[in-house]
Amino acid sequence: MARSTPIPEGFLEVGHIRRAHGLRGDVFVQLVTDRTERLAVGSALSSAQGEVTVESSKLLPNGRWVVKFDQIADRTAAEAWTNVALHAAPIDDIDALWFHELIGSKVVEADGTERGTCTKVLTNPAADILELDTGHLVPTTFVVAQVDGVVTVEVPDGLFELLDD
C-alpha cells in the first residue's frame, strides 16, 4: 500500500509518471505544462507518494520524456509510481499567464468596461480561451495585462456583441 504525503499548498500539477521504462528505475513522464525546466536535473517534484528529485531526463524523438529520479532505484520501485501525479511550486514569470491566476479574475476592456469574471480557461491549439461567467469567450491573445485579480483585454470590435445578438 502506497503512503500518502500531502502536496504543499499552492503547488501546481505539472505532470504524471506514466510507467516504468527499462530495468534501472527510469520512468516515462507526461508533462501537462510547456515548462520543460520542470524536468531539469536537480528539480524537486512532490507527489502523494513523496518528493522525487530529477537525476536525469531525456526527451525522446516521439515527444515523450524518460526520467530517472533519485528516489526510484529499479523497475520494481518504478512500477509502484505508475500514474502518480507530480506537483511543483509555481514559477515566478511576470510575462506568463497562469491558469490558476486567471480563474476568478475580473475581465475588463482597456477602456474600463467590465465584461465579467473568468470561470474557466479552455485549452485550444490556436490560443487558450478565457470563459467568462457571462458566456463570452476571449482568446488569451487579447490579454494585455493582469494585475491584482483584474485581467485587461483589447478585443476586436464586435467580439462581445456576438453573443448578445
N, C-alpha and C. Protein backbone atom coordinates (compact mmCIF):
# COMPACT_ATOMS: atom_id res chain seq x y z
N MET A 1 0.85 -1.18 0.00
CA MET A 1 0.00 0.00 0.00
C MET A 1 0.89 1.24 0.00
N ALA A 2 0.61 2.17 -0.88
CA ALA A 2 1.42 3.38 -1.01
C ALA A 2 1.09 4.35 0.12
N ARG A 3 2.11 5.00 0.63
CA ARG A 3 1.88 6.01 1.66
C ARG A 3 1.32 7.26 1.00
N SER A 4 0.65 8.07 1.78
CA SER A 4 0.08 9.30 1.23
C SER A 4 0.75 10.50 1.89
N THR A 5 1.36 11.32 1.08
CA THR A 5 2.05 12.52 1.54
C THR A 5 1.28 13.73 1.04
N PRO A 6 0.99 14.69 1.91
CA PRO A 6 0.25 15.87 1.43
C PRO A 6 1.10 16.71 0.46
N ILE A 7 0.42 17.23 -0.56
CA ILE A 7 1.07 18.12 -1.52
C ILE A 7 1.13 19.50 -0.87
N PRO A 8 2.27 20.17 -0.89
CA PRO A 8 2.34 21.51 -0.29
C PRO A 8 1.32 22.47 -0.91
N GLU A 9 0.72 23.29 -0.07
CA GLU A 9 -0.29 24.24 -0.52
C GLU A 9 0.29 25.17 -1.59
N GLY A 10 -0.50 25.43 -2.61
CA GLY A 10 -0.08 26.33 -3.68
C GLY A 10 0.69 25.65 -4.80
N PHE A 11 1.06 24.39 -4.61
CA PHE A 11 1.77 23.67 -5.67
C PHE A 11 0.81 23.35 -6.81
N LEU A 12 1.33 23.31 -8.03
CA LEU A 12 0.54 23.05 -9.23
C LEU A 12 0.89 21.69 -9.80
N GLU A 13 -0.10 21.05 -10.42
CA GLU A 13 0.18 19.78 -11.09
C GLU A 13 0.97 20.09 -12.36
N VAL A 14 2.12 19.41 -12.54
CA VAL A 14 2.97 19.68 -13.69
C VAL A 14 3.15 18.47 -14.60
N GLY A 15 2.74 17.29 -14.13
CA GLY A 15 2.90 16.11 -14.96
C GLY A 15 2.48 14.85 -14.23
N HIS A 16 2.68 13.71 -14.92
CA HIS A 16 2.34 12.40 -14.37
C HIS A 16 3.44 11.41 -14.74
N ILE A 17 3.78 10.56 -13.81
CA ILE A 17 4.62 9.41 -14.13
C ILE A 17 3.68 8.40 -14.77
N ARG A 18 4.02 7.93 -15.95
CA ARG A 18 3.11 7.03 -16.67
C ARG A 18 3.43 5.56 -16.45
N ARG A 19 4.67 5.14 -16.68
CA ARG A 19 5.02 3.73 -16.47
C ARG A 19 6.53 3.59 -16.43
N ALA A 20 6.96 2.41 -16.02
CA ALA A 20 8.40 2.12 -15.95
C ALA A 20 8.97 1.99 -17.36
N HIS A 21 10.27 2.30 -17.45
CA HIS A 21 10.99 2.16 -18.72
C HIS A 21 12.34 1.51 -18.42
N GLY A 22 12.51 0.28 -18.84
CA GLY A 22 13.77 -0.42 -18.59
C GLY A 22 13.83 -1.00 -17.19
N LEU A 23 15.05 -1.37 -16.77
CA LEU A 23 15.24 -2.07 -15.51
C LEU A 23 15.84 -1.22 -14.41
N ARG A 24 16.35 -0.05 -14.74
CA ARG A 24 17.12 0.76 -13.77
C ARG A 24 16.31 1.83 -13.05
N GLY A 25 14.99 1.80 -13.16
CA GLY A 25 14.17 2.76 -12.44
C GLY A 25 13.74 3.96 -13.25
N ASP A 26 14.08 3.99 -14.53
CA ASP A 26 13.62 5.09 -15.38
C ASP A 26 12.11 4.98 -15.57
N VAL A 27 11.46 6.12 -15.77
CA VAL A 27 10.02 6.16 -15.99
C VAL A 27 9.69 7.12 -17.13
N PHE A 28 8.55 6.89 -17.76
CA PHE A 28 8.03 7.85 -18.72
C PHE A 28 7.27 8.90 -17.93
N VAL A 29 7.50 10.18 -18.25
CA VAL A 29 6.78 11.27 -17.61
C VAL A 29 6.05 12.06 -18.68
N GLN A 30 4.79 12.32 -18.43
CA GLN A 30 3.98 13.15 -19.33
C GLN A 30 3.79 14.50 -18.65
N LEU A 31 4.34 15.56 -19.24
CA LEU A 31 4.17 16.89 -18.70
C LEU A 31 2.80 17.44 -19.08
N VAL A 32 2.21 18.23 -18.19
CA VAL A 32 0.97 18.93 -18.50
C VAL A 32 1.24 20.43 -18.52
N THR A 33 2.49 20.78 -18.75
CA THR A 33 2.95 22.15 -18.83
C THR A 33 3.93 22.26 -19.98
N ASP A 34 4.12 23.46 -20.48
CA ASP A 34 5.12 23.65 -21.53
C ASP A 34 6.47 24.04 -20.92
N ARG A 35 6.56 24.06 -19.61
CA ARG A 35 7.79 24.45 -18.91
C ARG A 35 8.65 23.20 -18.69
N THR A 36 9.47 22.88 -19.70
CA THR A 36 10.28 21.66 -19.64
C THR A 36 11.37 21.72 -18.56
N GLU A 37 11.64 22.91 -18.03
CA GLU A 37 12.62 23.01 -16.95
C GLU A 37 12.14 22.28 -15.70
N ARG A 38 10.88 21.89 -15.66
CA ARG A 38 10.37 21.09 -14.54
C ARG A 38 11.10 19.76 -14.44
N LEU A 39 11.68 19.31 -15.57
CA LEU A 39 12.40 18.03 -15.58
C LEU A 39 13.91 18.22 -15.68
N ALA A 40 14.40 19.40 -15.36
CA ALA A 40 15.85 19.65 -15.37
C ALA A 40 16.50 18.89 -14.21
N VAL A 41 17.74 18.48 -14.42
CA VAL A 41 18.49 17.77 -13.38
C VAL A 41 18.49 18.60 -12.10
N GLY A 42 18.14 17.94 -11.00
CA GLY A 42 18.10 18.61 -9.70
C GLY A 42 16.73 19.14 -9.31
N SER A 43 15.78 19.16 -10.24
CA SER A 43 14.44 19.65 -9.93
C SER A 43 13.75 18.72 -8.94
N ALA A 44 13.12 19.31 -7.93
CA ALA A 44 12.37 18.55 -6.94
C ALA A 44 10.88 18.65 -7.26
N LEU A 45 10.21 17.52 -7.26
CA LEU A 45 8.78 17.46 -7.53
C LEU A 45 8.10 16.71 -6.38
N SER A 46 6.88 17.12 -6.05
CA SER A 46 6.13 16.48 -4.98
C SER A 46 5.04 15.60 -5.55
N SER A 47 4.67 14.59 -4.79
CA SER A 47 3.57 13.72 -5.17
C SER A 47 2.95 13.16 -3.90
N ALA A 48 1.85 12.46 -4.07
CA ALA A 48 1.20 11.82 -2.92
C ALA A 48 2.07 10.71 -2.35
N GLN A 49 3.06 10.25 -3.10
CA GLN A 49 3.97 9.20 -2.63
C GLN A 49 5.27 9.77 -2.09
N GLY A 50 5.40 11.07 -2.06
CA GLY A 50 6.61 11.70 -1.54
C GLY A 50 7.29 12.57 -2.57
N GLU A 51 8.42 13.13 -2.20
CA GLU A 51 9.17 14.01 -3.09
C GLU A 51 10.17 13.19 -3.90
N VAL A 52 10.36 13.60 -5.15
CA VAL A 52 11.37 12.99 -6.01
C VAL A 52 12.24 14.09 -6.60
N THR A 53 13.48 13.74 -6.89
CA THR A 53 14.43 14.69 -7.48
C THR A 53 14.93 14.13 -8.80
N VAL A 54 14.93 14.95 -9.83
CA VAL A 54 15.35 14.51 -11.16
C VAL A 54 16.86 14.28 -11.17
N GLU A 55 17.25 13.04 -11.47
CA GLU A 55 18.66 12.68 -11.62
C GLU A 55 19.10 12.88 -13.07
N SER A 56 18.22 12.51 -14.00
CA SER A 56 18.48 12.73 -15.43
C SER A 56 17.15 12.71 -16.16
N SER A 57 17.12 13.36 -17.31
CA SER A 57 15.91 13.34 -18.14
C SER A 57 16.31 13.47 -19.59
N LYS A 58 15.48 12.89 -20.43
CA LYS A 58 15.77 12.90 -21.87
C LYS A 58 14.45 12.96 -22.64
N LEU A 59 14.37 13.90 -23.58
CA LEU A 59 13.22 13.99 -24.46
C LEU A 59 13.48 13.08 -25.67
N LEU A 60 12.59 12.13 -25.87
CA LEU A 60 12.72 11.21 -27.00
C LEU A 60 12.17 11.84 -28.26
N PRO A 61 12.58 11.36 -29.44
CA PRO A 61 12.08 11.92 -30.71
C PRO A 61 10.55 11.89 -30.83
N ASN A 62 9.89 10.97 -30.14
CA ASN A 62 8.43 10.87 -30.21
C ASN A 62 7.74 11.86 -29.27
N GLY A 63 8.53 12.71 -28.59
CA GLY A 63 7.97 13.73 -27.72
C GLY A 63 7.73 13.28 -26.29
N ARG A 64 8.11 12.06 -25.96
CA ARG A 64 7.94 11.55 -24.60
C ARG A 64 9.22 11.74 -23.80
N TRP A 65 9.06 11.95 -22.50
CA TRP A 65 10.21 12.13 -21.61
C TRP A 65 10.51 10.83 -20.87
N VAL A 66 11.79 10.47 -20.80
CA VAL A 66 12.25 9.39 -19.94
C VAL A 66 13.05 10.06 -18.83
N VAL A 67 12.65 9.78 -17.59
CA VAL A 67 13.25 10.46 -16.44
C VAL A 67 13.73 9.44 -15.43
N LYS A 68 14.87 9.72 -14.83
CA LYS A 68 15.40 8.94 -13.72
C LYS A 68 15.33 9.83 -12.49
N PHE A 69 14.59 9.38 -11.48
CA PHE A 69 14.50 10.09 -10.21
C PHE A 69 15.42 9.43 -9.19
N ASP A 70 16.06 10.23 -8.35
CA ASP A 70 16.97 9.71 -7.33
C ASP A 70 16.30 8.67 -6.44
N GLN A 71 15.03 8.84 -6.15
CA GLN A 71 14.34 8.00 -5.18
C GLN A 71 13.78 6.71 -5.77
N ILE A 72 13.90 6.51 -7.07
CA ILE A 72 13.37 5.30 -7.71
C ILE A 72 14.55 4.48 -8.22
N ALA A 73 14.84 3.39 -7.50
CA ALA A 73 16.09 2.64 -7.73
C ALA A 73 16.03 1.62 -8.86
N ASP A 74 14.88 0.99 -9.07
CA ASP A 74 14.81 -0.09 -10.05
C ASP A 74 13.41 -0.20 -10.64
N ARG A 75 13.23 -1.16 -11.53
CA ARG A 75 11.95 -1.30 -12.21
C ARG A 75 10.81 -1.59 -11.24
N THR A 76 11.06 -2.42 -10.24
CA THR A 76 10.01 -2.73 -9.26
C THR A 76 9.54 -1.47 -8.56
N ALA A 77 10.48 -0.64 -8.13
CA ALA A 77 10.12 0.63 -7.49
C ALA A 77 9.40 1.54 -8.48
N ALA A 78 9.87 1.57 -9.73
CA ALA A 78 9.25 2.43 -10.75
C ALA A 78 7.80 2.03 -11.01
N GLU A 79 7.52 0.74 -11.00
CA GLU A 79 6.15 0.27 -11.25
C GLU A 79 5.19 0.76 -10.17
N ALA A 80 5.68 0.97 -8.96
CA ALA A 80 4.83 1.47 -7.88
C ALA A 80 4.47 2.94 -8.06
N TRP A 81 5.15 3.63 -8.98
CA TRP A 81 4.89 5.05 -9.24
C TRP A 81 4.03 5.26 -10.48
N THR A 82 3.53 4.21 -11.11
CA THR A 82 2.71 4.33 -12.31
C THR A 82 1.48 5.21 -12.06
N ASN A 83 1.29 6.19 -12.95
CA ASN A 83 0.15 7.12 -12.93
C ASN A 83 0.10 8.04 -11.71
N VAL A 84 1.24 8.31 -11.11
CA VAL A 84 1.31 9.24 -9.98
C VAL A 84 1.47 10.66 -10.51
N ALA A 85 0.63 11.58 -10.00
CA ALA A 85 0.69 12.99 -10.40
C ALA A 85 1.88 13.67 -9.73
N LEU A 86 2.55 14.56 -10.48
CA LEU A 86 3.69 15.32 -9.97
C LEU A 86 3.30 16.78 -9.82
N HIS A 87 3.75 17.41 -8.74
CA HIS A 87 3.41 18.80 -8.45
C HIS A 87 4.69 19.59 -8.16
N ALA A 88 4.61 20.91 -8.38
CA ALA A 88 5.75 21.79 -8.09
C ALA A 88 5.24 23.18 -7.77
N ALA A 89 6.09 23.97 -7.16
CA ALA A 89 5.75 25.35 -6.84
C ALA A 89 5.58 26.14 -8.13
N PRO A 90 4.71 27.15 -8.14
CA PRO A 90 4.56 28.00 -9.33
C PRO A 90 5.89 28.67 -9.68
N ILE A 91 6.12 28.87 -10.97
CA ILE A 91 7.31 29.56 -11.44
C ILE A 91 7.00 31.05 -11.47
N ASP A 92 7.90 31.85 -10.96
CA ASP A 92 7.71 33.30 -10.95
C ASP A 92 8.16 33.87 -12.29
N ASP A 93 7.20 34.10 -13.19
CA ASP A 93 7.49 34.63 -14.53
C ASP A 93 6.46 35.71 -14.81
N ILE A 94 6.88 36.97 -14.75
CA ILE A 94 5.94 38.08 -14.89
C ILE A 94 5.30 38.16 -16.27
N ASP A 95 5.90 37.54 -17.27
CA ASP A 95 5.35 37.60 -18.62
C ASP A 95 4.39 36.45 -18.93
N ALA A 96 4.24 35.51 -18.01
CA ALA A 96 3.40 34.34 -18.26
C ALA A 96 2.00 34.54 -17.70
N LEU A 97 1.04 33.94 -18.39
CA LEU A 97 -0.34 33.90 -17.89
C LEU A 97 -0.54 32.51 -17.29
N TRP A 98 -0.94 32.47 -16.02
CA TRP A 98 -1.13 31.20 -15.32
C TRP A 98 -2.61 30.95 -15.13
N PHE A 99 -3.08 29.78 -15.53
CA PHE A 99 -4.49 29.43 -15.42
C PHE A 99 -5.01 29.68 -14.01
N HIS A 100 -4.27 29.24 -13.01
CA HIS A 100 -4.75 29.36 -11.63
C HIS A 100 -4.90 30.81 -11.19
N GLU A 101 -4.22 31.74 -11.85
CA GLU A 101 -4.37 33.15 -11.54
C GLU A 101 -5.46 33.82 -12.37
N LEU A 102 -5.74 33.28 -13.56
CA LEU A 102 -6.77 33.84 -14.42
C LEU A 102 -8.17 33.52 -13.92
N ILE A 103 -8.36 32.29 -13.44
CA ILE A 103 -9.68 31.86 -12.97
C ILE A 103 -10.06 32.67 -11.73
N GLY A 104 -11.24 33.28 -11.80
CA GLY A 104 -11.71 34.13 -10.71
C GLY A 104 -11.38 35.60 -10.89
N SER A 105 -10.58 35.93 -11.91
CA SER A 105 -10.22 37.32 -12.16
C SER A 105 -11.34 38.06 -12.87
N LYS A 106 -11.47 39.34 -12.56
CA LYS A 106 -12.42 40.20 -13.26
C LYS A 106 -11.80 40.56 -14.62
N VAL A 107 -12.60 40.53 -15.68
CA VAL A 107 -12.12 40.85 -17.03
C VAL A 107 -12.70 42.20 -17.44
N VAL A 108 -11.82 43.13 -17.82
CA VAL A 108 -12.24 44.46 -18.25
C VAL A 108 -11.56 44.79 -19.57
N GLU A 109 -12.24 45.63 -20.36
CA GLU A 109 -11.61 46.12 -21.59
C GLU A 109 -10.67 47.26 -21.21
N ALA A 110 -9.81 47.64 -22.13
CA ALA A 110 -8.83 48.70 -21.87
C ALA A 110 -9.49 50.02 -21.50
N ASP A 111 -10.74 50.25 -21.98
CA ASP A 111 -11.44 51.49 -21.64
C ASP A 111 -12.15 51.42 -20.28
N GLY A 112 -12.01 50.28 -19.59
CA GLY A 112 -12.61 50.13 -18.26
C GLY A 112 -13.93 49.40 -18.24
N THR A 113 -14.49 49.05 -19.40
CA THR A 113 -15.77 48.35 -19.46
C THR A 113 -15.61 46.94 -18.87
N GLU A 114 -16.40 46.65 -17.84
CA GLU A 114 -16.34 45.33 -17.21
C GLU A 114 -17.07 44.31 -18.07
N ARG A 115 -16.45 43.15 -18.27
CA ARG A 115 -17.03 42.12 -19.13
C ARG A 115 -17.39 40.83 -18.41
N GLY A 116 -17.06 40.71 -17.14
CA GLY A 116 -17.40 39.50 -16.40
C GLY A 116 -16.21 38.96 -15.63
N THR A 117 -16.39 37.75 -15.14
CA THR A 117 -15.35 37.07 -14.37
C THR A 117 -14.95 35.80 -15.10
N CYS A 118 -13.66 35.52 -15.14
CA CYS A 118 -13.16 34.30 -15.78
C CYS A 118 -13.51 33.11 -14.90
N THR A 119 -14.28 32.17 -15.44
CA THR A 119 -14.68 30.98 -14.70
C THR A 119 -13.88 29.75 -15.07
N LYS A 120 -13.26 29.80 -16.26
CA LYS A 120 -12.55 28.63 -16.77
C LYS A 120 -11.58 29.09 -17.85
N VAL A 121 -10.49 28.34 -18.04
CA VAL A 121 -9.60 28.58 -19.17
C VAL A 121 -9.63 27.32 -20.02
N LEU A 122 -10.05 27.49 -21.27
CA LEU A 122 -10.16 26.37 -22.20
C LEU A 122 -8.88 26.24 -23.01
N THR A 123 -8.37 25.04 -23.11
CA THR A 123 -7.17 24.79 -23.91
C THR A 123 -7.58 24.69 -25.36
N ASN A 124 -6.87 25.43 -26.22
CA ASN A 124 -7.19 25.47 -27.64
C ASN A 124 -5.86 25.54 -28.40
N PRO A 125 -5.72 24.83 -29.51
CA PRO A 125 -4.45 24.83 -30.23
C PRO A 125 -3.97 26.22 -30.68
N ALA A 126 -4.89 27.07 -31.10
CA ALA A 126 -4.51 28.40 -31.60
C ALA A 126 -4.13 29.32 -30.45
N ALA A 127 -4.95 29.35 -29.41
CA ALA A 127 -4.71 30.17 -28.21
C ALA A 127 -5.67 29.70 -27.14
N ASP A 128 -5.22 29.68 -25.91
CA ASP A 128 -6.13 29.34 -24.82
C ASP A 128 -7.22 30.40 -24.75
N ILE A 129 -8.38 30.02 -24.21
CA ILE A 129 -9.55 30.90 -24.23
C ILE A 129 -10.10 31.08 -22.82
N LEU A 130 -10.34 32.34 -22.45
CA LEU A 130 -10.99 32.63 -21.18
C LEU A 130 -12.49 32.45 -21.37
N GLU A 131 -13.12 31.67 -20.49
CA GLU A 131 -14.58 31.56 -20.50
C GLU A 131 -15.09 32.42 -19.35
N LEU A 132 -15.96 33.37 -19.68
CA LEU A 132 -16.46 34.30 -18.67
C LEU A 132 -17.82 33.85 -18.15
N ASP A 133 -18.17 34.32 -16.97
CA ASP A 133 -19.47 33.98 -16.38
C ASP A 133 -20.63 34.52 -17.20
N THR A 134 -20.36 35.42 -18.11
CA THR A 134 -21.40 35.97 -18.99
C THR A 134 -21.63 35.09 -20.22
N GLY A 135 -20.77 34.07 -20.40
CA GLY A 135 -20.86 33.20 -21.57
C GLY A 135 -19.91 33.60 -22.68
N HIS A 136 -19.29 34.75 -22.57
CA HIS A 136 -18.35 35.20 -23.60
C HIS A 136 -17.06 34.38 -23.56
N LEU A 137 -16.44 34.23 -24.72
CA LEU A 137 -15.16 33.55 -24.85
C LEU A 137 -14.14 34.55 -25.37
N VAL A 138 -13.00 34.66 -24.69
CA VAL A 138 -11.98 35.64 -25.07
C VAL A 138 -10.63 34.94 -25.20
N PRO A 139 -10.06 34.88 -26.42
CA PRO A 139 -8.74 34.28 -26.57
C PRO A 139 -7.69 35.03 -25.74
N THR A 140 -6.77 34.27 -25.14
CA THR A 140 -5.74 34.89 -24.29
C THR A 140 -4.82 35.80 -25.09
N THR A 141 -4.83 35.70 -26.41
CA THR A 141 -4.00 36.59 -27.23
C THR A 141 -4.44 38.04 -27.08
N PHE A 142 -5.67 38.26 -26.58
CA PHE A 142 -6.17 39.63 -26.39
C PHE A 142 -5.90 40.17 -24.99
N VAL A 143 -5.29 39.36 -24.13
CA VAL A 143 -4.94 39.83 -22.78
C VAL A 143 -3.72 40.74 -22.88
N VAL A 144 -3.84 41.96 -22.33
CA VAL A 144 -2.72 42.90 -22.37
C VAL A 144 -2.13 43.15 -20.99
N ALA A 145 -2.88 42.80 -19.94
CA ALA A 145 -2.35 42.99 -18.58
C ALA A 145 -3.12 42.11 -17.61
N GLN A 146 -2.44 41.77 -16.54
CA GLN A 146 -3.06 41.02 -15.45
C GLN A 146 -2.45 41.54 -14.15
N VAL A 147 -3.26 42.26 -13.38
CA VAL A 147 -2.76 42.87 -12.15
C VAL A 147 -3.80 42.73 -11.05
N ASP A 148 -3.39 42.16 -9.92
CA ASP A 148 -4.24 42.07 -8.73
C ASP A 148 -5.65 41.57 -9.02
N GLY A 149 -5.78 40.46 -9.72
CA GLY A 149 -7.09 39.86 -9.96
C GLY A 149 -7.92 40.53 -11.03
N VAL A 150 -7.31 41.41 -11.80
CA VAL A 150 -8.01 42.07 -12.91
C VAL A 150 -7.25 41.79 -14.20
N VAL A 151 -7.95 41.23 -15.17
CA VAL A 151 -7.37 40.95 -16.49
C VAL A 151 -7.89 42.01 -17.45
N THR A 152 -6.97 42.71 -18.09
CA THR A 152 -7.35 43.72 -19.08
C THR A 152 -7.17 43.13 -20.47
N VAL A 153 -8.21 43.31 -21.31
CA VAL A 153 -8.17 42.78 -22.67
C VAL A 153 -8.41 43.88 -23.69
N GLU A 154 -7.82 43.74 -24.85
CA GLU A 154 -8.10 44.59 -26.00
C GLU A 154 -8.59 43.66 -27.09
N VAL A 155 -9.89 43.72 -27.37
CA VAL A 155 -10.50 42.78 -28.30
C VAL A 155 -10.96 43.52 -29.56
N PRO A 156 -11.13 42.80 -30.67
CA PRO A 156 -11.65 43.42 -31.89
C PRO A 156 -13.08 43.90 -31.67
N ASP A 157 -13.45 44.95 -32.38
CA ASP A 157 -14.82 45.46 -32.30
C ASP A 157 -15.80 44.34 -32.60
N GLY A 158 -16.85 44.26 -31.79
CA GLY A 158 -17.90 43.30 -32.03
C GLY A 158 -17.75 41.97 -31.32
N LEU A 159 -16.60 41.68 -30.71
CA LEU A 159 -16.41 40.38 -30.07
C LEU A 159 -17.47 40.12 -28.99
N PHE A 160 -17.71 41.08 -28.13
CA PHE A 160 -18.67 40.89 -27.06
C PHE A 160 -20.11 40.97 -27.55
N GLU A 161 -20.33 41.61 -28.67
CA GLU A 161 -21.68 41.72 -29.22
C GLU A 161 -22.13 40.44 -29.91
N LEU A 162 -21.21 39.56 -30.29
CA LEU A 162 -21.56 38.31 -30.97
C LEU A 162 -22.54 37.49 -30.15
N LEU A 163 -22.31 37.38 -28.87
CA LEU A 163 -23.18 36.57 -28.01
C LEU A 163 -24.47 37.32 -27.69
N ASP A 164 -24.40 38.62 -27.68
CA ASP A 164 -25.57 39.43 -27.32
C ASP A 164 -26.65 39.42 -28.39
N ASP A 165 -26.27 39.13 -29.65
CA ASP A 165 -27.25 39.18 -30.76
C ASP A 165 -28.16 38.00 -30.78
